[in-house]
Protein backbone atom coordinates (compact mmCIF):
# COMPACT_ATOMS: atom_id res chain seq x y z
CA MET A 1 104.41 53.52 44.58
CA ASP A 2 101.51 55.37 46.05
CA THR A 3 101.38 52.61 48.95
CA GLN A 4 104.97 53.38 49.93
CA LYS A 5 104.18 57.14 50.13
CA ILE A 6 101.16 56.72 52.21
CA ILE A 7 103.23 54.25 54.46
CA VAL A 8 106.08 56.99 54.71
CA ALA A 9 103.51 59.81 55.38
CA ILE A 10 102.10 57.59 58.16
CA LEU A 11 105.46 57.02 59.72
CA VAL A 12 106.52 60.78 59.38
CA TRP A 13 103.01 61.63 61.14
CA ILE A 14 103.61 59.05 63.99
CA TRP A 15 107.27 60.70 64.61
CA ILE A 16 106.01 64.10 64.57
CA GLY A 17 103.19 63.08 66.94
CA GLN A 18 105.73 61.51 69.53
CA SER A 19 108.05 64.26 69.37
CA ALA A 20 105.27 66.90 70.11
CA THR A 21 104.26 64.81 73.13
CA ALA A 22 107.73 64.05 74.55
CA GLN A 23 107.98 67.82 75.40
CA PRO A 24 104.82 68.49 77.44
CA ASP A 25 105.96 65.43 79.38
CA SER A 26 109.08 67.52 80.31
CA VAL A 27 107.27 70.54 80.82
CA LYS A 28 105.00 68.53 83.06
CA GLN A 29 108.16 67.40 85.23
CA VAL A 30 109.51 71.04 85.54
CA LEU A 31 106.29 72.21 86.80
CA ASP A 32 105.59 68.88 89.20
CA SER A 33 109.37 69.40 90.24
CA SER A 34 109.02 73.12 91.22
CA ILE A 35 105.83 72.61 93.44
CA ALA A 36 107.42 69.87 95.12
CA LEU A 37 110.66 71.54 96.21
CA LEU A 38 108.67 74.81 97.01
CA ARG A 39 106.49 72.58 99.25
CA ALA A 40 109.40 70.96 100.70
CA HIS A 41 112.06 73.86 101.04
CA ALA A 42 110.31 77.36 100.77
CA LEU A 43 110.86 79.69 103.64
CA HIS A 44 107.23 80.43 103.56
CA ARG A 45 106.03 77.12 102.46
CA GLN A 46 103.55 76.78 105.25
CA ARG A 47 101.38 79.64 104.24
CA PRO A 48 99.70 78.13 101.15
CA ASP A 49 96.90 75.82 100.53
CA TRP A 50 99.10 73.48 98.09
CA ASP A 51 96.25 71.76 96.75
CA TYR A 52 94.81 75.08 95.54
CA VAL A 53 98.32 75.92 94.62
CA ARG A 54 98.74 73.04 92.29
CA GLU A 55 95.55 73.48 90.67
CA ARG A 56 95.98 77.01 89.89
CA ALA A 57 99.43 76.44 88.53
CA TYR A 58 98.07 74.00 86.09
CA GLU A 59 95.48 76.32 84.93
CA LEU A 60 98.11 79.09 84.37
CA ALA A 61 100.38 76.41 82.57
CA GLY A 62 97.54 75.88 80.14
CA GLU A 63 98.58 74.15 77.02
CA ALA A 64 102.37 75.15 77.45
CA THR A 65 104.75 72.96 75.20
CA ARG A 66 108.10 74.74 76.15
CA TRP A 67 109.71 75.18 79.63
CA GLU A 68 109.85 79.11 78.86
CA ASP A 69 106.11 78.82 78.50
CA LEU A 70 105.49 78.30 82.13
CA GLY A 71 106.03 81.90 82.88
CA PRO A 72 102.77 82.66 84.47
CA ALA A 73 102.55 79.39 86.48
CA ILE A 74 106.12 79.64 88.01
CA SER A 75 105.32 83.42 88.79
CA TRP A 76 102.14 82.16 90.74
CA LEU A 77 104.09 79.58 92.66
CA PHE A 78 106.66 82.10 93.65
CA GLN A 79 103.89 84.51 94.63
CA ALA A 80 102.30 81.78 96.72
CA VAL A 81 105.16 81.49 98.87
CA ASP A 82 105.96 85.19 99.14
CA ASP A 83 109.33 84.47 97.26
CA TYR A 84 110.23 87.65 95.04
CA HIS A 85 113.94 86.56 94.79
CA GLY A 86 113.60 83.00 93.64
CA ARG A 87 113.72 82.08 90.03
CA LEU A 88 113.54 79.00 87.55
CA ILE A 89 116.57 79.19 85.19
CA ILE A 90 116.34 77.87 81.70
CA GLY A 91 119.57 78.62 80.12
CA ASN A 92 119.55 82.52 79.84
CA THR A 93 116.06 82.82 80.51
CA MET A 94 114.80 83.38 84.33
CA LEU A 95 111.17 83.01 85.37
CA GLY A 96 109.96 84.30 88.48
CA TRP A 97 107.65 86.88 90.34
CA LYS A 98 108.01 90.66 90.81
CA ARG A 99 106.40 92.56 93.51
CA THR A 100 103.93 95.01 92.29
CA GLU A 101 105.07 97.78 94.72
CA PRO A 102 108.75 97.47 94.52
CA PRO A 103 111.08 99.79 96.93
CA PHE A 104 112.03 103.04 95.13
CA LEU A 105 114.77 105.52 95.70
CA SER A 106 114.39 109.39 95.90
CA GLU A 107 115.80 111.34 93.25
CA ALA A 108 118.42 112.66 95.75
CA LEU A 109 119.57 109.10 96.46
CA LYS A 110 119.69 107.98 92.87
CA GLU A 111 121.99 111.17 92.06
CA GLU A 112 124.13 110.12 94.87
CA SER A 113 124.28 106.47 93.90
CA ALA A 114 125.43 107.34 90.38
CA LYS A 115 128.66 108.56 92.01
CA GLY A 116 129.75 105.24 92.84
CA ASN A 117 131.11 103.12 95.57
CA ARG A 118 132.54 104.80 98.31
CA ILE A 119 132.77 105.57 102.20
CA VAL A 120 131.82 109.07 103.20
CA ARG A 121 132.91 110.31 106.79
CA MET A 122 132.79 113.77 108.40
CA LEU A 123 132.54 115.41 111.81
CA LEU A 124 129.25 117.18 112.50
CA SER A 125 128.86 119.61 115.38
CA GLY A 126 128.65 118.44 118.95
CA GLY A 127 131.06 115.50 118.43
CA ILE A 128 128.97 113.57 115.85
CA GLY A 129 130.51 111.58 113.68
CA TYR A 130 128.90 110.56 110.18
CA LEU A 131 129.89 107.43 108.21
CA ARG A 132 127.96 106.45 105.00
CA ILE A 133 128.63 103.29 103.21
CA GLN A 134 127.59 103.52 99.76
CA GLY A 135 127.29 100.73 97.02
CA MET A 136 130.14 97.88 97.26
CA VAL A 137 132.63 98.74 99.90
CA GLU A 138 135.38 96.03 100.45
CA GLY A 139 137.65 98.13 102.76
CA GLY A 140 138.21 101.36 104.59
CA LEU A 141 136.02 100.95 107.35
CA PRO A 142 138.60 100.65 110.28
CA ASP A 143 140.49 103.61 108.76
CA SER A 144 137.43 105.81 108.83
CA LEU A 145 136.34 104.90 112.18
CA ALA A 146 139.86 105.60 113.56
CA ARG A 147 139.90 108.97 111.77
CA LEU A 148 136.66 109.99 113.27
CA GLU A 149 137.93 108.87 116.91
CA ALA A 150 140.93 111.19 116.15
CA ASP A 151 138.74 114.06 115.12
CA GLY A 152 136.83 113.77 118.58
CA ALA A 153 133.68 112.08 117.45
CA ARG A 154 131.86 110.67 120.64
CA ALA A 155 128.66 109.43 118.96
CA LEU A 156 128.03 108.08 115.41
CA ILE A 157 125.33 108.23 112.45
CA ILE A 158 125.93 104.86 110.28
CA ASP A 159 124.15 105.80 107.12
CA LEU A 160 123.18 102.69 105.16
CA ARG A 161 120.89 104.29 102.72
CA LEU A 162 122.93 103.23 99.85
CA ALA A 163 124.77 100.23 101.19
CA THR A 164 124.13 97.22 99.00
CA ASP A 165 126.30 94.43 98.04
CA SER A 166 129.60 94.82 100.08
CA THR A 167 131.45 91.59 101.65
CA ILE A 168 129.53 91.05 104.81
CA SER A 169 132.58 89.64 106.77
CA SER A 170 134.79 92.71 105.84
CA MET A 171 131.81 95.08 107.06
CA LEU A 172 131.36 93.41 110.30
CA GLU A 173 135.06 93.49 110.77
CA GLY A 174 135.35 96.84 110.15
CA LEU A 175 132.56 98.14 112.34
CA SER A 176 133.51 95.45 115.25
CA PRO A 177 134.62 98.14 117.65
CA LEU A 178 131.12 99.21 117.71
CA LEU A 179 129.68 95.67 117.99
CA GLY A 180 132.02 93.99 120.35
CA ASN A 181 132.70 90.34 120.89
CA GLY A 182 129.84 88.03 119.96
CA TYR A 183 127.15 86.55 117.76
CA PHE A 184 125.26 89.33 116.17
CA ILE A 185 123.62 88.01 112.94
CA GLY A 186 122.72 84.39 111.74
CA ASN A 187 119.95 82.43 109.67
CA ALA A 188 116.68 80.96 110.63
CA ASP A 189 114.57 78.56 108.89
CA CYS A 190 110.72 78.78 108.47
CA THR A 191 109.90 78.15 112.10
CA GLY A 192 112.49 80.70 113.48
CA ARG A 193 115.03 77.94 114.47
CA ILE A 194 118.39 79.37 114.33
CA LEU A 195 120.52 77.69 111.96
CA ASP A 196 123.87 79.41 112.19
CA MET A 197 125.41 82.65 113.81
CA THR A 198 128.27 84.77 112.87
CA LYS A 199 130.83 85.44 115.12
CA VAL A 200 132.40 88.94 115.45
CA GLU A 201 135.71 89.54 117.11
CA ALA A 202 136.56 93.30 118.04
CA PRO A 203 140.30 94.29 117.72
CA LYS A 204 141.98 94.56 120.95
CA GLY A 205 142.71 97.60 122.58
CA ARG A 206 140.71 100.82 123.78
CA HIS A 207 138.69 102.66 121.30
CA LYS A 208 136.74 105.81 121.96
CA LEU A 209 134.26 104.39 119.40
CA SER A 210 133.22 101.21 121.16
CA THR A 211 130.20 99.42 122.19
CA GLY A 212 129.29 101.92 124.55
CA THR A 213 129.08 104.62 122.03
CA PRO A 214 125.50 106.07 120.87
CA VAL A 215 124.88 104.92 117.22
CA VAL A 216 121.97 105.97 114.90
CA VAL A 217 121.67 103.71 111.99
CA LEU A 218 119.80 105.28 108.95
CA THR A 219 118.02 102.81 106.49
CA GLY A 220 115.96 103.14 103.74
CA HIS A 221 114.72 101.49 100.51
CA GLY A 222 118.24 101.52 98.95
CA THR A 223 119.61 99.33 102.14
CA GLY A 224 119.68 95.87 100.34
CA ARG A 225 121.54 92.71 100.99
CA ALA A 226 124.81 93.35 102.66
CA GLY A 227 123.37 96.67 104.07
CA GLU A 228 120.58 94.75 105.69
CA CYS A 229 123.03 92.20 107.06
CA ILE A 230 124.82 95.12 108.86
CA ALA A 231 121.59 96.52 109.98
CA VAL A 232 120.59 93.31 111.66
CA ALA A 233 123.89 92.92 113.34
CA PHE A 234 123.18 96.29 115.36
CA ARG A 235 119.75 95.34 116.26
CA GLY A 236 119.60 94.66 119.73
CA ARG A 237 122.68 96.75 120.48
CA LYS A 238 122.50 99.22 123.34
CA HIS A 239 122.44 102.89 122.65
CA THR A 240 121.18 102.35 119.15
CA VAL A 241 118.31 103.39 117.29
CA PHE A 242 117.11 102.81 113.81
CA ILE A 243 115.71 106.01 111.87
CA GLY A 244 114.48 106.15 108.10
CA GLU A 245 112.19 103.86 105.89
CA PRO A 246 111.88 100.03 105.77
CA THR A 247 114.79 98.41 103.84
CA ALA A 248 114.81 96.92 100.26
CA GLY A 249 113.66 93.41 101.38
CA TYR A 250 116.54 90.89 100.72
CA THR A 251 116.85 89.42 104.12
CA THR A 252 116.65 85.90 102.97
CA SER A 253 119.00 83.32 101.46
CA GLY A 254 118.31 80.92 98.59
CA ASN A 255 119.27 77.47 97.72
CA GLY A 256 119.31 75.86 94.22
CA TYR A 257 118.15 72.66 92.76
CA SER A 258 118.64 71.03 89.49
CA ILE A 259 115.59 69.54 87.47
CA VAL A 260 115.38 67.56 84.08
CA SER A 261 119.16 66.32 84.44
CA GLY A 262 120.38 69.86 85.39
CA GLN A 263 118.76 71.62 82.28
CA VAL A 264 116.74 73.62 84.53
CA LYS A 265 117.39 74.93 87.82
CA ILE A 266 115.26 76.55 90.53
CA VAL A 267 116.36 78.78 93.22
CA LEU A 268 114.37 79.50 96.39
CA ALA A 269 114.57 81.21 99.34
CA GLU A 270 114.74 78.98 102.46
CA THR A 271 116.39 81.18 105.12
CA MET A 272 115.87 84.40 106.86
CA LEU A 273 118.24 86.59 108.83
CA ALA A 274 118.04 86.65 112.49
CA ASP A 275 119.88 89.14 115.02
CA ARG A 276 121.73 88.61 118.32
CA ASN A 277 118.40 88.28 120.34
CA HIS A 278 117.16 85.74 117.78
CA ARG A 279 114.59 87.82 116.54
CA THR A 280 113.88 86.80 112.66
CA TYR A 281 113.35 89.00 109.61
CA PRO A 282 111.57 87.20 106.83
CA ARG A 283 111.14 90.35 104.62
CA ASN A 284 112.61 93.58 105.60
CA LEU A 285 114.03 95.62 108.55
CA ILE A 286 111.56 98.31 109.87
CA PRO A 287 113.15 101.43 111.64
CA ASP A 288 112.14 102.36 115.18
CA GLU A 289 111.36 105.97 113.98
CA TRP A 290 109.81 106.14 110.60
CA VAL A 291 110.91 109.09 108.58
CA PRO A 292 109.72 108.99 105.04
CA GLY A 293 111.21 110.78 102.31
CA GLY A 294 112.99 114.01 103.04
CA ASP A 295 116.72 113.02 101.65
CA ASP A 296 119.19 115.36 100.73
CA LEU A 297 122.91 114.37 100.90
CA SER A 298 123.96 117.44 99.40
CA ASP A 299 122.75 119.75 102.33
CA TYR A 300 122.40 117.90 105.56
CA SER A 301 120.39 120.75 107.11
CA LYS A 302 117.68 119.88 104.69
CA ASP A 303 118.04 115.88 105.10
CA LYS A 304 114.98 115.00 107.36
CA LYS A 305 116.67 111.63 108.27
CA MET A 306 119.93 113.17 109.39
CA GLN A 307 117.92 115.99 111.47
CA ALA A 308 116.11 113.08 113.22
CA ALA A 309 119.49 111.47 113.64
CA ILE A 310 121.02 114.65 115.01
CA SER A 311 118.11 115.30 117.31
CA TRP A 312 118.04 111.70 118.90
CA LEU A 313 121.96 111.76 119.54
CA THR A 314 121.84 115.32 121.17
CA ASP A 315 119.10 114.35 123.21
CA PHE A 316 120.94 110.98 124.48
CA HIS A 317 123.99 113.33 125.52
């Protein structure tokens, strides 16, 4: 009887040992696959020393026995390719890298953002129209431009400081009278090779606010995703200047890959925005005239970016 107990105990011990070693094998598979996919597809894959990256990743993985324990190693991998949008997704758990100095919104912009999604338009003195795209806006731009035209606007300030996740196609369509017909935004790979360009078609007919209208585009840390796409679409346009602060930094597009039979997924940045002149934006968009802080959407006479915009348009005339 004692012999049988000993044999059973040995078998249980062997079974536990086999189960314990099976998980680290899959952990190694996730780590190896992540390294291979980043090395093959990441936008900034040409930057790092991959031998060192791999060695350091394994050091950070340590004795991880679960996929979720790979946080430090995965963070390091994404940091090595400057990808703060990428994620390793394990069920409801997401592992990635966060920038140490993320963009921030001023208190004035936070207060305005809390009011929700909307389009704000007004006519300022001197025939200057003002158009603010705030949050997620899916329509209303054509009507807003038409009303500003009817009010006598001869120049325009497009405020993208709070423009985020709107549908890009509808935004481009709404602003197409100002852009005209052509290819004004696209995607490029790590070498700058253009992969695709989006065609914009302006509505037929004559518009007072058109391709020749002087435009100031206001940007800031709250200009993200769709807002950055719209800003890039205006890059290279005649009679246009960008004033404010650098955008939020969501100018890349990602792709997803399955690991371990689909149980784990990795999403990584592979392409970056490009403008009409094929200039690329691997991180964000830098304004022509940098005006830090000074946001005051409740009193435009105190808003430094607005005053800089009005000054530029006044001098342009």
